[in-house]
Protein backbone atom coordinates (compact mmCIF):
# COMPACT_ATOMS: atom_id res chain seq x y z
CA MET A 1 -0.08 -0.02 0.03
CA SER A 2 1.34 3.38 -0.88
CA ARG A 3 1.97 6.16 1.65
CA TYR A 4 -0.95 8.14 0.08
CA THR A 5 -3.56 5.47 0.22
CA GLY A 6 -2.36 4.67 3.71
CA ALA A 7 -2.78 8.36 4.81
CA LYS A 8 -6.39 8.23 3.38
CA CYS A 9 -7.17 4.92 5.42
CA ARG A 10 -5.75 6.61 8.53
CA GLN A 11 -7.94 9.65 8.16
CA CYS A 12 -10.96 7.67 7.96
CA ARG A 13 -9.98 5.78 11.31
CA ARG A 14 -9.05 8.93 12.89
CA GLU A 15 -12.26 10.56 12.09
CA GLY A 16 -14.30 7.44 13.08
CA LEU A 17 -16.38 7.55 10.01
CA LYS A 18 -16.45 6.54 6.44
CA LEU A 19 -15.27 9.51 4.32
CA PHE A 20 -15.33 7.67 1.08
CA LEU A 21 -11.80 8.80 0.21
CA LYS A 22 -11.04 5.46 -1.50
CA GLY A 23 -14.46 5.48 -3.33
CA GLU A 24 -16.17 2.19 -3.66
CA ARG A 25 -13.45 0.48 -1.45
CA CYS A 26 -15.31 2.20 1.59
CA ASN A 27 -18.26 -0.09 0.69
CA THR A 28 -16.37 -3.40 0.80
CA HIS A 29 -14.56 -5.58 3.56
CA LYS A 30 -11.31 -3.80 2.67
CA CYS A 31 -12.44 -0.48 4.26
CA SER A 32 -10.22 0.53 7.02
CA ILE A 33 -13.15 1.36 9.39
CA THR A 34 -14.58 -2.29 8.92
CA ARG A 35 -11.07 -3.92 9.46
CA ARG A 36 -9.99 -1.54 12.45
CA GLU A 37 -12.46 0.56 14.12
CA TYR A 38 -9.98 2.18 16.36
CA PRO A 39 -7.83 5.37 15.66
CA PRO A 40 -4.16 4.73 14.08
CA GLY A 41 -1.08 4.85 16.29
CA MET A 42 0.39 3.07 19.43
CA HIS A 43 -1.84 4.69 21.97
CA LEU A 44 -5.38 3.51 21.08
CA TRP A 45 -7.29 5.15 23.70
CA ARG A 46 -6.72 8.32 25.53
CA ARG A 47 -7.83 8.56 28.94
CA GLY A 48 -9.65 11.74 30.38
CA LYS A 49 -12.87 13.65 29.89
CA VAL A 50 -13.43 15.17 26.52
CA SER A 51 -14.32 18.82 26.86
CA GLU A 52 -17.48 20.37 25.49
CA TYR A 53 -15.54 22.31 23.07
CA ALA A 54 -13.78 19.27 21.51
CA ILE A 55 -17.15 17.51 21.30
CA HIS A 56 -18.65 20.34 19.34
CA LEU A 57 -15.61 20.80 17.06
CA ARG A 58 -15.50 17.06 16.34
CA GLU A 59 -19.11 17.16 15.13
CA LYS A 60 -18.22 20.18 12.77
CA GLN A 61 -15.16 18.37 11.44
CA LYS A 62 -17.31 15.11 10.81
CA MET A 63 -19.62 17.25 8.69
CA LYS A 64 -16.99 18.97 6.79
CA ARG A 65 -15.12 15.84 5.87
CA TYR A 66 -18.41 13.95 5.06
CA TYR A 67 -19.31 16.56 2.45
CA GLY A 68 -15.60 17.24 1.45
CA ILE A 69 -15.67 20.92 1.97
CA LEU A 70 -13.11 23.32 3.59
CA GLU A 71 -13.63 25.77 6.30
CA ARG A 72 -14.18 29.02 4.31
CA GLU A 73 -16.80 27.06 2.10
CA PHE A 74 -18.50 25.74 5.31
CA ARG A 75 -18.72 29.15 6.79
CA ASN A 76 -20.47 30.57 3.75
CA ILE A 77 -23.05 27.87 3.58
CA PHE A 78 -23.61 28.33 7.28
CA ALA A 79 -24.15 31.90 6.96
CA ARG A 80 -26.84 31.12 4.35
CA ALA A 81 -28.39 28.56 6.42
CA LEU A 82 -28.59 31.15 9.21
CA ARG A 83 -30.35 33.80 7.03
CA GLN A 84 -33.07 31.19 6.01
CA LYS A 85 -36.32 30.70 7.76
CA GLY A 86 -36.68 27.70 9.88
CA ASN A 87 -34.33 25.44 11.82
CA THR A 88 -30.54 26.44 11.06
CA GLY A 89 -29.26 22.98 11.57
CA GLU A 90 -31.79 21.53 9.22
CA ASN A 91 -31.17 24.34 6.58
CA LEU A 92 -27.29 23.63 6.94
CA VAL A 93 -27.81 19.83 6.12
CA LYS A 94 -30.23 20.45 3.29
CA LEU A 95 -27.93 22.99 1.50
CA LEU A 96 -24.96 20.74 1.82
CA GLU A 97 -26.94 17.68 0.51
CA ARG A 98 -27.93 19.66 -2.58
CA ARG A 99 -24.32 20.33 -3.70
CA LEU A 100 -23.66 19.19 -7.25
CA ASP A 101 -20.66 17.23 -6.14
CA HIS A 102 -22.51 15.47 -3.55
CA ALA A 103 -25.56 14.74 -5.79
CA LEU A 104 -23.06 12.88 -8.05
CA VAL A 105 -21.76 10.69 -5.33
CA LEU A 106 -25.32 10.00 -4.21
CA SER A 107 -26.42 9.01 -7.56
CA GLY A 108 -23.41 7.12 -8.50
CA LEU A 109 -21.92 9.22 -11.13
CA ALA A 110 -19.01 9.70 -8.97
CA SER A 111 -17.41 7.24 -6.47
CA SER A 112 -16.02 9.87 -4.29
CA HIS A 113 -16.24 13.71 -3.69
CA ALA A 114 -12.82 14.25 -5.10
CA GLN A 115 -13.77 12.50 -8.20
CA ALA A 116 -17.08 14.42 -8.40
CA ARG A 117 -15.22 17.64 -8.28
CA GLN A 118 -12.79 16.62 -10.85
CA LEU A 119 -15.73 15.69 -13.22
CA VAL A 120 -17.40 19.05 -12.70
CA THR A 121 -14.31 21.26 -13.21
CA HIS A 122 -13.25 19.29 -16.25
CA GLY A 123 -16.49 19.95 -18.03
CA HIS A 124 -17.84 16.35 -18.02
CA ILE A 125 -21.09 17.26 -16.11
CA MET A 126 -23.95 19.46 -17.40
CA ILE A 127 -27.15 20.66 -15.82
CA GLY A 128 -29.85 20.44 -18.47
CA HIS A 129 -28.19 21.50 -21.64
CA ARG A 130 -25.56 23.91 -19.90
CA ARG A 131 -22.18 23.02 -18.65
CA VAL A 132 -21.65 23.64 -15.09
CA SER A 133 -17.94 24.14 -13.62
CA LYS A 134 -18.80 24.77 -10.08
CA PRO A 135 -18.88 21.54 -7.75
CA SER A 136 -20.73 23.89 -4.98
CA TYR A 137 -23.78 24.50 -7.52
CA ARG A 138 -26.97 23.83 -5.60
CA VAL A 139 -29.45 21.45 -7.56
CA SER A 140 -33.03 22.25 -7.63
CA ALA A 141 -36.22 20.13 -8.13
CA GLY A 142 -36.80 19.40 -11.87
CA GLU A 143 -33.37 19.85 -13.03
CA VAL A 144 -31.54 17.00 -14.80
CA ILE A 145 -27.90 16.24 -14.31
CA ARG A 146 -26.26 14.61 -17.22
CA ALA A 147 -23.07 13.68 -18.81
CA ASN A 148 -21.43 15.93 -21.22
CA LYS A 149 -22.20 14.61 -24.87
CA ARG A 150 -18.59 14.51 -25.59
CA GLU A 151 -17.08 10.93 -26.09
CA LYS A 152 -14.55 11.14 -23.39
CA SER A 153 -17.18 12.51 -20.84
CA GLN A 154 -19.74 9.52 -21.83
CA LYS A 155 -17.07 6.93 -21.58
CA GLU A 156 -15.90 8.04 -18.27
CA VAL A 157 -19.23 8.39 -16.57
CA LYS A 158 -20.28 4.91 -17.98
CA GLU A 159 -17.19 3.37 -16.34
CA ILE A 160 -18.11 4.95 -12.94
CA LEU A 161 -21.64 3.91 -13.00
CA GLU A 162 -20.55 0.36 -13.58
CA ILE A 163 -18.30 0.66 -10.66
CA THR A 164 -21.07 2.05 -8.34
CA ARG A 165 -23.97 -0.03 -9.74
CA GLU A 166 -24.64 -1.34 -6.25
CA ARG A 167 -24.98 1.97 -4.67
CA GLU A 168 -28.31 2.90 -3.04
CA VAL A 169 -29.75 6.15 -4.53
CA PRO A 170 -32.04 8.28 -2.28
CA ALA A 171 -35.61 8.78 -3.26
CA TRP A 172 -35.19 12.41 -4.29
CA LEU A 173 -32.99 11.47 -6.98
CA GLN A 174 -33.76 9.21 -10.05
CA VAL A 175 -30.82 7.73 -12.14
CA ASP A 176 -31.11 6.74 -15.79
CA ARG A 177 -28.07 4.47 -16.44
CA GLU A 178 -28.93 4.28 -20.13
CA ALA A 179 -29.12 7.99 -20.86
CA LEU A 180 -26.46 8.73 -18.23
CA GLU A 181 -28.77 11.28 -16.48
CA VAL A 182 -30.09 12.06 -12.89
CA ASN A 183 -33.35 13.66 -12.44
CA VAL A 184 -33.98 15.86 -9.29
CA LEU A 185 -37.32 14.81 -8.59
CA ARG A 186 -37.70 17.01 -5.50
CA LEU A 187 -35.47 18.43 -2.55
CA PRO A 188 -34.26 16.17 0.00
CA GLU A 189 -36.16 15.97 3.36
CA ARG A 190 -34.17 15.84 6.62
CA GLU A 191 -34.99 12.29 7.47
CA GLU A 192 -33.49 11.05 4.18
CA ILE A 193 -30.09 12.68 4.84
CA GLY A 194 -27.64 10.38 6.55
CA VAL A 195 -24.95 12.85 7.60
CA PRO A 196 -22.86 11.30 10.35
CA ALA A 197 -22.99 14.38 12.59
CA GLN A 198 -25.28 16.19 15.10
CA GLU A 199 -26.16 19.37 13.26
CA GLN A 200 -27.40 21.10 16.24
CA LEU A 201 -23.78 20.80 18.01
CA VAL A 202 -22.38 22.01 14.72
CA VAL A 203 -24.76 25.07 14.80
CA GLU A 204 -23.89 25.88 18.38
CA PHE A 205 -20.13 25.80 17.66
CA ALA A 206 -20.32 27.73 14.47
CA SER A 207 -22.47 30.37 16.23
CA ARG A 208 -19.88 31.15 18.72
C-alpha cells in the first residue's frame, strides 16, 4: 500500500467514520473502518474527559469531511443557512446535501467527492443543456444532471456507473443509467439525509 493510500485510510479511522476517500473501497470488507474501528497509532485510547468544545468541534469536522468541503466554504454555507427561515441545522444539512458534487456521489455518477469535483471542473457534467463548472452548485427540483455529450465524458461516466452500480440512490434522485442522467425529483427531506454528525452541535459551535 502506498503512503498516499495509507494516509487516506488513517484519516477515516481517525475521524471514526467512512469518508469515501477511496471511493467504492469503503463499501467493501477492505474498508479501514470495517477492519479496524480504532484510531491509528500506538496509543489506542486516551483517558480523560473530552471537553465540550472538543465534542462540538469534532461534530463540525465530521460534517465538513463527510461533504468534502473546507472551512471557508463551510462558513459561507452556514451563513446562508442562518439567513433562511426555519431550523438552522436542518437548513445547513439540506444546503450541503444539494451540492452538485454530493448529488453526483449519491447518484453513483462519481465514486467520491474528489472524483465528483474533478468531473465538474473538467467539464464532464451538465445541468440540462448547459455546462456547470462549480462543484458547489446547488441542484433544484426538476433539474437534470447529465454527462456531457463528448465521447470522453460519456465513456468516463459509464465506467463510473458500472463501478457504483450497487450504490443505493436516495428517493429524491432518479438515475437513468442508459441516458447517463440523474433527475432531481424534489428537494431532500431531513430524515432522508444520513450525515454522521449532530447538526445542532455544529450550529452551536459555528455560532460562537
